């Protein structure tokens, strides 16, 4: 079968041949890949040759934002049948620490985890994959056109869940199910993660403002307006004065991966506010901050700044639930996050496709009836 792989020797991404996997354990299922979303990690693998090949091999199949159809199940598989749609989580635990032994490898202590398509385990950019049932989450038929968004949304779900859990733990009068209602949330960076974060936060009743550096007429601010959120062009504001412009900001979700901006945005956080970073910055450029002022603010205003990465099956299931709610509330708007679908043979073009007009690019391994949902 065909696969898109990072070659260990050349650190180049190429279309390769791989043996088709077969079920070897009764708790496994075999999935035919329908489509794979492309993200910054995939593009970094192309540009920088990033990725760790599995032991004993000379290549790493890339791709981690998958959506597929179950074509075979092992004898012990209970929750899936042939014909079901499914997504698989990315990270596989170290087998040593408590989180990993509880299927929460997203919180691994040892760092000895593997990640499909990224670190030591083949990914999903191929025709078929086999994995254990415990890593699979079912996707209903009505989400076929947007099921590939489950993985990026799962990252949002974890970030939001952790923020809300922390806030309601230290503010006993608040309840997890309602804490975000009426709260003001700033989402920095309107790529797929940021837009999906805005959707998830609006579903929970938050007042949402998105921050990016695109024109008001761009597709990204347009989507925000249609879900009842606001937009700020970061080129036209002083980030140090955002709180003066917006008022109390209770929650900031950062999805830019820009280190300087990420630290500057702490200044905008309000009293008792919480800030979650999800972007991953690269390079070694120094960041200039006024450390004493920042520390005073965080201490005197009871603020929390934290990072969040990856997700568990719990968050994938919540992502599926939120996709259903978003489709029910806003119709085909969610589909519009996917701005390009291409056959897998055009992987080079797809991996190079990055502009203000594109949000999420998807590679198709099985042609859908309606290529844009």
Protein backbone atom coordinates (compact mmCIF):
# COMPACT_ATOMS: atom_id res chain seq x y z
CA UNK A 1 0.00 0.00 0.00
CA UNK A 2 1.04 3.63 -0.43
CA UNK A 3 2.21 5.86 2.41
CA UNK A 4 3.69 9.33 2.79
CA UNK A 5 6.89 8.89 4.76
CA UNK A 6 9.82 10.80 6.21
CA UNK A 7 12.96 8.94 5.11
CA UNK A 8 15.54 8.57 7.87
CA UNK A 9 18.60 8.79 5.62
CA UNK A 10 17.68 11.89 3.62
CA UNK A 11 15.13 13.47 6.03
CA UNK A 12 12.95 14.03 2.98
CA UNK A 13 9.22 13.29 2.71
CA UNK A 14 8.36 10.89 -0.12
CA UNK A 15 5.53 8.65 -1.34
CA UNK A 16 6.58 5.12 -0.38
CA UNK A 17 5.34 1.54 -0.43
CA UNK A 18 4.50 -0.17 2.85
CA UNK A 19 3.09 -3.62 3.65
CA UNK A 20 -0.62 -3.52 4.43
CA UNK A 21 -1.09 -4.08 8.19
CA UNK A 22 -3.10 -6.99 9.52
CA UNK A 23 -4.89 -7.54 12.82
CA UNK A 24 -2.64 -9.58 15.12
CA UNK A 25 -4.46 -9.20 18.45
CA UNK A 26 -8.15 -9.72 19.33
CA UNK A 27 -8.47 -6.17 20.73
CA UNK A 28 -7.41 -4.52 17.47
CA UNK A 29 -9.36 -3.00 14.61
CA UNK A 30 -8.33 -2.23 11.06
CA UNK A 31 -9.25 1.14 9.60
CA UNK A 32 -9.24 2.33 6.03
CA UNK A 33 -8.01 5.92 6.00
CA UNK A 34 -10.47 8.33 4.37
CA UNK A 35 -8.61 11.58 4.91
CA UNK A 36 -5.87 13.23 6.93
CA UNK A 37 -5.59 16.83 8.06
CA UNK A 38 -2.33 18.69 7.57
CA UNK A 39 -0.96 20.85 10.39
CA UNK A 40 2.18 22.75 11.30
CA UNK A 41 3.89 19.60 12.55
CA UNK A 42 3.54 17.95 9.14
CA UNK A 43 4.96 21.02 7.43
CA UNK A 44 7.85 21.12 9.88
CA UNK A 45 8.59 17.51 8.97
CA UNK A 46 8.93 18.59 5.34
CA UNK A 47 10.97 21.72 6.00
CA UNK A 48 13.19 20.53 8.86
CA UNK A 49 13.04 16.74 8.56
CA UNK A 50 11.44 16.60 12.00
CA UNK A 51 10.35 13.20 13.32
CA UNK A 52 11.69 10.04 14.97
CA UNK A 53 11.48 6.83 12.93
CA UNK A 54 10.31 3.62 14.65
CA UNK A 55 13.10 1.37 15.91
CA UNK A 56 14.42 -0.99 13.28
CA UNK A 57 13.00 0.97 10.35
CA UNK A 58 14.32 3.53 7.88
CA UNK A 59 11.22 5.69 7.54
CA UNK A 60 8.38 7.28 9.49
CA UNK A 61 4.89 7.39 8.01
CA UNK A 62 3.69 10.90 8.87
CA UNK A 63 0.18 12.21 9.57
CA UNK A 64 -1.72 12.31 12.85
CA UNK A 65 -5.07 14.05 12.17
CA UNK A 66 -6.96 11.06 10.81
CA UNK A 67 -10.49 10.01 9.95
CA UNK A 68 -11.38 6.57 8.63
CA UNK A 69 -13.76 3.65 8.31
CA UNK A 70 -13.51 0.38 10.22
CA UNK A 71 -13.05 -2.51 7.78
CA UNK A 72 -12.22 -5.34 10.20
CA UNK A 73 -12.46 -5.96 13.95
CA UNK A 74 -10.76 -8.41 16.28
CA UNK A 75 -12.71 -10.99 18.26
CA UNK A 76 -12.61 -8.96 21.49
CA UNK A 77 -13.61 -5.60 20.01
CA UNK A 78 -16.93 -4.56 21.56
CA UNK A 79 -17.73 -0.95 20.62
CA UNK A 80 -17.00 -0.99 16.88
CA UNK A 81 -18.36 -2.81 13.86
CA UNK A 82 -17.36 -2.92 10.23
CA UNK A 83 -18.62 0.24 8.53
CA UNK A 84 -18.29 2.50 11.58
CA UNK A 85 -16.38 5.75 11.21
CA UNK A 86 -13.59 6.31 13.70
CA UNK A 87 -10.64 8.45 14.73
CA UNK A 88 -7.53 7.30 16.56
CA UNK A 89 -5.62 9.20 19.21
CA UNK A 90 -2.00 10.12 18.53
CA UNK A 91 0.05 9.33 21.63
CA UNK A 92 0.84 5.88 23.04
CA UNK A 93 1.91 5.66 26.65
CA UNK A 94 5.25 4.73 28.18
CA UNK A 95 3.71 1.86 30.13
CA UNK A 96 5.39 3.04 33.33
CA UNK A 97 3.81 6.15 34.85
CA UNK A 98 0.36 6.45 36.40
CA UNK A 99 -1.17 8.65 33.67
CA UNK A 100 -0.04 6.29 30.90
CA UNK A 101 -1.31 3.26 32.78
CA UNK A 102 -4.67 5.06 33.01
CA UNK A 103 -4.85 5.78 29.24
CA UNK A 104 -3.87 9.42 29.88
CA UNK A 105 -0.59 9.43 27.98
CA UNK A 106 -1.20 13.11 27.23
CA UNK A 107 0.04 13.66 30.81
CA UNK A 108 3.03 11.28 30.60
CA UNK A 109 5.67 11.89 33.28
CA UNK A 110 8.60 10.03 31.73
CA UNK A 111 8.60 11.40 28.19
CA UNK A 112 9.05 7.84 26.92
CA UNK A 113 5.76 7.87 25.01
CA UNK A 114 5.51 7.40 21.26
CA UNK A 115 3.31 9.41 18.91
CA UNK A 116 1.85 8.15 15.68
CA UNK A 117 3.36 10.02 12.78
CA UNK A 118 5.70 12.06 14.98
CA UNK A 119 7.78 10.09 17.46
CA UNK A 120 8.76 6.45 17.09
CA UNK A 121 5.50 5.12 15.65
CA UNK A 122 4.10 5.18 12.13
CA UNK A 123 1.35 7.69 11.47
CA UNK A 124 -1.85 7.65 9.47
CA UNK A 125 -0.87 9.12 6.08
CA UNK A 126 -1.44 5.78 4.37
CA UNK A 127 -4.21 3.50 3.12
CA UNK A 128 -4.83 1.27 6.16
CA UNK A 129 -3.87 1.26 9.83
CA UNK A 130 -4.33 -1.21 12.68
CA UNK A 131 -4.57 -0.20 16.33
CA UNK A 132 -6.14 -1.18 19.64
CA UNK A 133 -9.77 -0.41 20.37
CA UNK A 134 -8.83 1.62 23.47
CA UNK A 135 -7.32 4.31 21.23
CA UNK A 136 -10.33 4.64 18.93
CA UNK A 137 -13.34 6.95 19.17
CA UNK A 138 -16.47 6.49 17.08
CA UNK A 139 -17.64 9.27 14.77
CA UNK A 140 -21.30 9.37 13.66
CA UNK A 141 -22.27 9.28 9.99
CA UNK A 142 -23.52 12.87 10.03
CA UNK A 143 -19.99 14.09 10.84
CA UNK A 144 -18.34 12.37 7.88
CA UNK A 145 -17.46 15.68 6.24
CA UNK A 146 -15.80 17.13 9.37
CA UNK A 147 -14.61 14.07 11.28
CA UNK A 148 -11.04 14.91 10.34
CA UNK A 149 -11.29 17.98 12.62
CA UNK A 150 -11.66 15.77 15.70
CA UNK A 151 -7.94 15.67 16.53
CA UNK A 152 -7.29 19.43 16.47
CA UNK A 153 -10.52 20.04 18.37
CA UNK A 154 -9.47 17.46 20.98
CA UNK A 155 -6.46 19.67 21.79
CA UNK A 156 -8.89 22.53 22.44
CA UNK A 157 -11.17 20.33 24.54
CA UNK A 158 -8.31 19.39 26.85
CA UNK A 159 -7.15 23.00 27.21
CA UNK A 160 -10.65 24.23 28.01
CA UNK A 161 -11.42 21.33 30.35
CA UNK A 162 -8.25 21.88 32.37
CA UNK A 163 -8.78 25.63 32.59
CA UNK A 164 -12.36 25.25 33.76
CA UNK A 165 -11.45 22.51 36.25
CA UNK A 166 -8.75 24.70 37.81
CA UNK A 167 -10.98 27.75 38.01
CA UNK A 168 -13.90 25.92 39.58
CA UNK A 169 -11.57 24.17 42.04
CA UNK A 170 -10.28 27.48 43.41
CA UNK A 171 -13.57 29.37 43.10
CA UNK A 172 -16.01 27.02 44.86
CA UNK A 173 -19.04 29.14 44.03
CA UNK A 174 -18.48 28.37 40.33
CA UNK A 175 -19.59 25.18 38.58
CA UNK A 176 -17.71 23.45 35.76
CA UNK A 177 -20.72 23.26 33.48
CA UNK A 178 -21.46 26.98 33.69
CA UNK A 179 -18.18 28.75 34.51
CA UNK A 180 -17.66 30.02 30.97
CA UNK A 181 -21.15 31.47 30.61
CA UNK A 182 -20.75 35.22 30.30
CA UNK A 183 -16.98 35.07 30.75
CA UNK A 184 -14.82 37.00 28.29
CA UNK A 185 -12.36 34.82 26.38
CA UNK A 186 -9.57 35.93 24.06
CA UNK A 187 -8.38 33.45 21.42
CA UNK A 188 -5.00 34.41 19.97
CA UNK A 189 -4.25 32.93 16.55
CA UNK A 190 -7.05 31.95 14.18
CA UNK A 191 -5.67 28.87 12.53
CA UNK A 192 -7.68 25.64 12.86
CA UNK A 193 -6.96 25.36 16.61
CA UNK A 194 -7.96 28.96 17.27
CA UNK A 195 -11.15 28.84 15.23
CA UNK A 196 -12.17 25.53 16.79
CA UNK A 197 -11.42 27.04 20.21
CA UNK A 198 -13.71 29.97 19.43
CA UNK A 199 -16.46 27.52 18.46
CA UNK A 200 -16.01 25.41 21.61
CA UNK A 201 -16.03 28.50 23.83
CA UNK A 202 -19.12 29.94 22.16
CA UNK A 203 -20.90 26.61 22.65
CA UNK A 204 -20.18 27.02 26.37
CA UNK A 205 -21.62 30.52 26.52
CA UNK A 206 -18.44 32.59 26.58
CA UNK A 207 -18.05 36.00 24.99
CA UNK A 208 -15.24 35.37 22.49
CA UNK A 209 -12.82 37.75 20.80
CA UNK A 210 -10.35 36.42 18.24
CA UNK A 211 -6.95 38.01 17.62
CA UNK A 212 -4.97 37.57 14.42
CA UNK A 213 -3.17 39.61 11.75
CA UNK A 214 -5.56 39.24 8.80
CA UNK A 215 -8.01 41.73 7.29
CA UNK A 216 -11.58 41.96 8.55
CA UNK A 217 -12.76 40.59 5.19
CA UNK A 218 -10.73 37.40 5.57
CA UNK A 219 -12.50 34.06 6.02
CA UNK A 220 -11.26 33.65 9.59
CA UNK A 221 -12.89 36.79 11.07
CA UNK A 222 -15.97 36.03 8.98
CA UNK A 223 -16.39 32.66 10.68
CA UNK A 224 -16.02 34.34 14.06
CA UNK A 225 -18.71 36.87 13.28
CA UNK A 226 -21.11 34.13 12.18
CA UNK A 227 -20.79 32.37 15.54
CA UNK A 228 -21.32 35.62 17.43
CA UNK A 229 -17.67 36.30 18.25
CA UNK A 230 -15.62 39.45 17.77
CA UNK A 231 -12.34 40.06 15.99
CA UNK A 232 -9.31 42.27 16.60
CA UNK A 233 -6.62 42.85 13.99
CA UNK A 234 -3.40 42.54 15.95
CA UNK A 235 -1.64 44.92 13.57
CA UNK A 236 -3.92 47.74 14.69
CA UNK A 237 -3.76 47.40 18.47
CA UNK A 238 -1.23 47.63 21.26
CA UNK A 239 -1.35 44.23 22.94
CA UNK A 240 -0.38 45.87 26.23
CA UNK A 241 -3.64 47.84 26.12
CA UNK A 242 -6.02 45.03 25.17
CA UNK A 243 -7.48 44.93 28.67
CA UNK A 244 -8.24 48.66 28.44
CA UNK A 245 -10.04 48.07 25.15
CA UNK A 246 -11.88 44.88 26.05
CA UNK A 247 -12.29 45.04 29.82
CA UNK A 248 -11.88 42.04 32.13
CA UNK A 249 -10.49 39.05 30.22
CA UNK A 250 -11.19 35.87 32.14
CA UNK A 251 -9.63 33.31 29.82
CA UNK A 252 -6.94 33.48 27.16
CA UNK A 253 -6.25 30.58 24.82
CA UNK A 254 -3.04 31.07 22.86
CA UNK A 255 -2.70 29.27 19.52
CA UNK A 256 -0.06 31.34 17.75
CA UNK A 257 3.23 29.68 18.58
CA UNK A 258 4.79 33.17 18.58
CA UNK A 259 6.85 33.48 21.75
CA UNK A 260 7.01 37.28 22.01
CA UNK A 261 3.27 37.72 21.52
CA UNK A 262 2.45 34.84 23.86
CA UNK A 263 4.25 36.53 26.74
CA UNK A 264 2.93 39.99 25.89
CA UNK A 265 -0.64 38.69 26.10
CA UNK A 266 -0.21 37.87 29.78
CA UNK A 267 -0.56 41.62 30.32
CA UNK A 268 -4.14 41.44 29.01
CA UNK A 269 -5.28 38.79 31.50
CA UNK A 270 -7.79 39.94 34.10
CA UNK A 271 -8.25 39.39 37.83
CA UNK A 272 -8.40 35.67 38.70
CA UNK A 273 -7.86 34.95 35.01
CA UNK A 274 -6.39 31.82 33.45
CA UNK A 275 -4.19 31.65 30.36
CA UNK A 276 -3.54 28.42 28.42
CA UNK A 277 -0.72 28.20 25.89
CA UNK A 278 -1.16 25.58 23.14
CA UNK A 279 1.21 26.96 20.50
CA UNK A 280 4.73 25.57 20.20
CA UNK A 281 7.36 28.17 19.39
CA UNK A 282 10.60 27.40 17.54
CA UNK A 283 13.97 29.05 17.22
CA UNK A 284 16.16 30.75 19.80
CA UNK A 285 15.22 34.39 19.39
CA UNK A 286 15.22 36.12 22.82
CA UNK A 287 11.93 37.39 24.24
CA UNK A 288 11.86 40.85 25.81
CA UNK A 289 9.54 41.17 28.83
CA UNK A 290 9.33 43.34 31.92
CA UNK A 291 9.74 40.50 34.38
CA UNK A 292 9.03 42.34 37.63
CA UNK A 293 5.83 43.89 36.30
CA UNK A 294 4.65 40.53 35.00
CA UNK A 295 5.34 38.77 38.29
CA UNK A 296 3.59 41.50 40.27
CA UNK A 297 0.54 41.24 38.05
CA UNK A 298 0.32 37.44 38.23
CA UNK A 299 0.71 37.40 42.01
CA UNK A 300 -1.46 40.38 42.90
CA UNK A 301 -4.23 39.41 40.46
CA UNK A 302 -4.29 35.68 41.29
CA UNK A 303 -3.56 34.67 37.71
CA UNK A 304 -2.69 31.26 36.31
CA UNK A 305 -0.57 30.62 33.20
CA UNK A 306 -0.27 27.04 31.98
CA UNK A 307 0.53 24.92 28.96
CA UNK A 308 -1.53 22.13 27.43
CA UNK A 309 -0.56 19.56 24.81
CA UNK A 310 -2.07 16.50 23.17
CA UNK A 311 -5.34 14.88 24.33
CA UNK A 312 -6.89 11.62 25.52
CA UNK A 313 -9.84 9.60 24.24
CA UNK A 314 -12.05 11.57 26.65
CA UNK A 315 -11.22 14.76 24.79
CA UNK A 316 -11.68 13.14 21.39
CA UNK A 317 -15.15 12.04 22.46
CA UNK A 318 -15.92 15.57 23.66
CA UNK A 319 -14.66 16.91 20.33
CA UNK A 320 -17.10 14.65 18.49
CA UNK A 321 -19.90 15.88 20.76
CA UNK A 322 -19.00 19.53 20.12
CA UNK A 323 -18.82 18.96 16.37
CA UNK A 324 -22.36 17.59 16.54
CA UNK A 325 -23.52 20.61 18.55
CA UNK A 326 -21.77 23.04 16.21
CA UNK A 327 -23.33 21.42 13.14
CA UNK A 328 -26.75 21.62 14.79
CA UNK A 329 -26.27 25.27 15.76
CA UNK A 330 -24.41 26.70 12.76
CA UNK A 331 -24.97 24.18 9.98
CA UNK A 332 -22.26 23.92 7.35
CA UNK A 333 -20.11 26.63 8.92
CA UNK A 334 -17.89 23.98 10.51
CA UNK A 335 -17.27 22.45 7.08
CA UNK A 336 -15.87 25.78 5.91
CA UNK A 337 -12.87 25.39 8.19
CA UNK A 338 -11.67 22.83 5.65
CA UNK A 339 -10.65 25.12 2.79
CA UNK A 340 -8.86 22.61 0.56
CA UNK A 341 -9.14 18.88 -0.11
CA UNK A 342 -6.60 17.20 -2.37
CA UNK A 343 -5.87 13.59 -3.38
CA UNK A 344 -2.93 12.14 -1.46
CA UNK A 345 -0.84 12.06 -4.64
CA UNK A 346 -0.71 15.87 -4.41
CA UNK A 347 0.88 15.78 -0.97
CA UNK A 348 3.74 18.09 -1.91
CA UNK A 349 1.37 20.82 -3.05
CA UNK A 350 -0.85 20.31 0.00
CA UNK A 351 2.05 20.47 2.44
CA UNK A 352 3.20 23.70 0.83
CA UNK A 353 -0.26 25.30 0.87
CA UNK A 354 -0.21 28.05 3.49
CA UNK A 355 -1.81 31.42 3.01
CA UNK A 356 -4.27 33.70 4.74
CA UNK A 357 -7.03 32.30 2.53
CA UNK A 358 -6.54 28.71 3.69
CA UNK A 359 -7.42 27.37 7.12
CA UNK A 360 -7.30 23.56 7.08
CA UNK A 361 -5.95 21.50 4.19
CA UNK A 362 -6.89 17.83 3.98
CA UNK A 363 -5.38 14.96 1.99
CA UNK A 364 -7.90 12.41 0.73
CA UNK A 365 -7.12 8.72 0.62
CA UNK A 366 -10.71 7.89 -0.30
CA UNK A 367 -12.67 10.36 -2.43
CA UNK A 368 -15.75 11.73 -0.65
CA UNK A 369 -18.98 12.34 -2.54
CA UNK A 370 -18.77 16.08 -1.94
CA UNK A 371 -15.10 17.14 -1.85
CA UNK A 372 -15.79 20.18 0.31
CA UNK A 373 -18.30 18.59 2.67
